[in-house]
Amino acid sequence: MGWRISTPDDARKPARKAVLSHLLGFNARRAYSEWYQPSRRDVGMELKKIAEELVAGCREGRATENLDKLYAEDAVSVEAVDQGNGRETRGLDGIKGKHAWWENAMEVIEAKVSDPMLHGDDRFAVTFEMQGREKESGKVFDMKEVAIYHVANGKIAREEFFYG
């Protein structure tokens, strides 16, 4: 028959380390970090923070600045249609290139960014509505899109865009 620590999940973390250290007879930091998996609540809060920071960055003009903070090095960005370079962009540097192209080619006249909509422990969606202007031609356009963001290991690993 086993025993159980009956305290809130956050309070169990130090107790788990102590039990492992006692039973295994060594500093259990590595063993603990490999064994302990965050609770669903911990993962959900991490997802919420990432989603809220992405939305805040978009609303405050910090989207490009947030790339290093929020995206994985090997993140993938998928557009709904091929705009000349393929639909898929791989890697943080490629995604930074997409942002640089947008900032150089387009001017945002007006934009609305929704609050994030969480889906499970690893995804969230954001809707974007904007009016913009192509810098070269001066042509004004309206745009609606839904972005789905997949999060893994505390970073955005994949983004997918759907146009309306």
Foldseek 3Di string as FASTA:
>chain_A
DDDDDPDPPVVCLVVVQVVCCVVVVHRCPVVSVVPDDDDQVVLQVLVLVLQQVCLVCVVVVNNLVCLVVAADQFAKEAEPDDPPPHRIFTGSVRVSVVVVCCVVFKDWPDKDKDRWADDGRFKIKIKMWTWMAGPVPRDIDIWIKMKMFGDDPSHTRYIYIDTD
